[in-house]
């Protein structure tokens, strides 16, 4: 079965709305899910699980991967921090240092792919 994808124009619109003041819960949820899909496309693989509870999770990054149970490398953060990372409003290192990200495992570092490149998030 083909993996369901949020259309890019819908996802980008949701990201623009989600980074504004007082976004709707629907915009935040769509923006998080869209950016998780984009991360998996930019950094394919299953060596790292990225979790943004309660809105979504994805596997990404090349290397050894897991099939069942707790993955060997996990990154978890809240939706606001996630969107700040993918849009470049906060640097990976700064978010980790501030305790806004929980990361475990040897591959639990998204600093090389944040912010997500090739995607325009600025309001038009």
Foldseek 3Di string as FASTA:
>chain_A
DDDDADPQVLLLVLLLQVPDPPHDPVSLLSVVVNVQVLQCVVFPDAQEWEEAPPRDIDGGHHDDHDDDDDHQKYKYAHSVVVSCFQQVVDAQVRCVVVVRMDIGHPPRGCRVCTNPPPRDNHDD
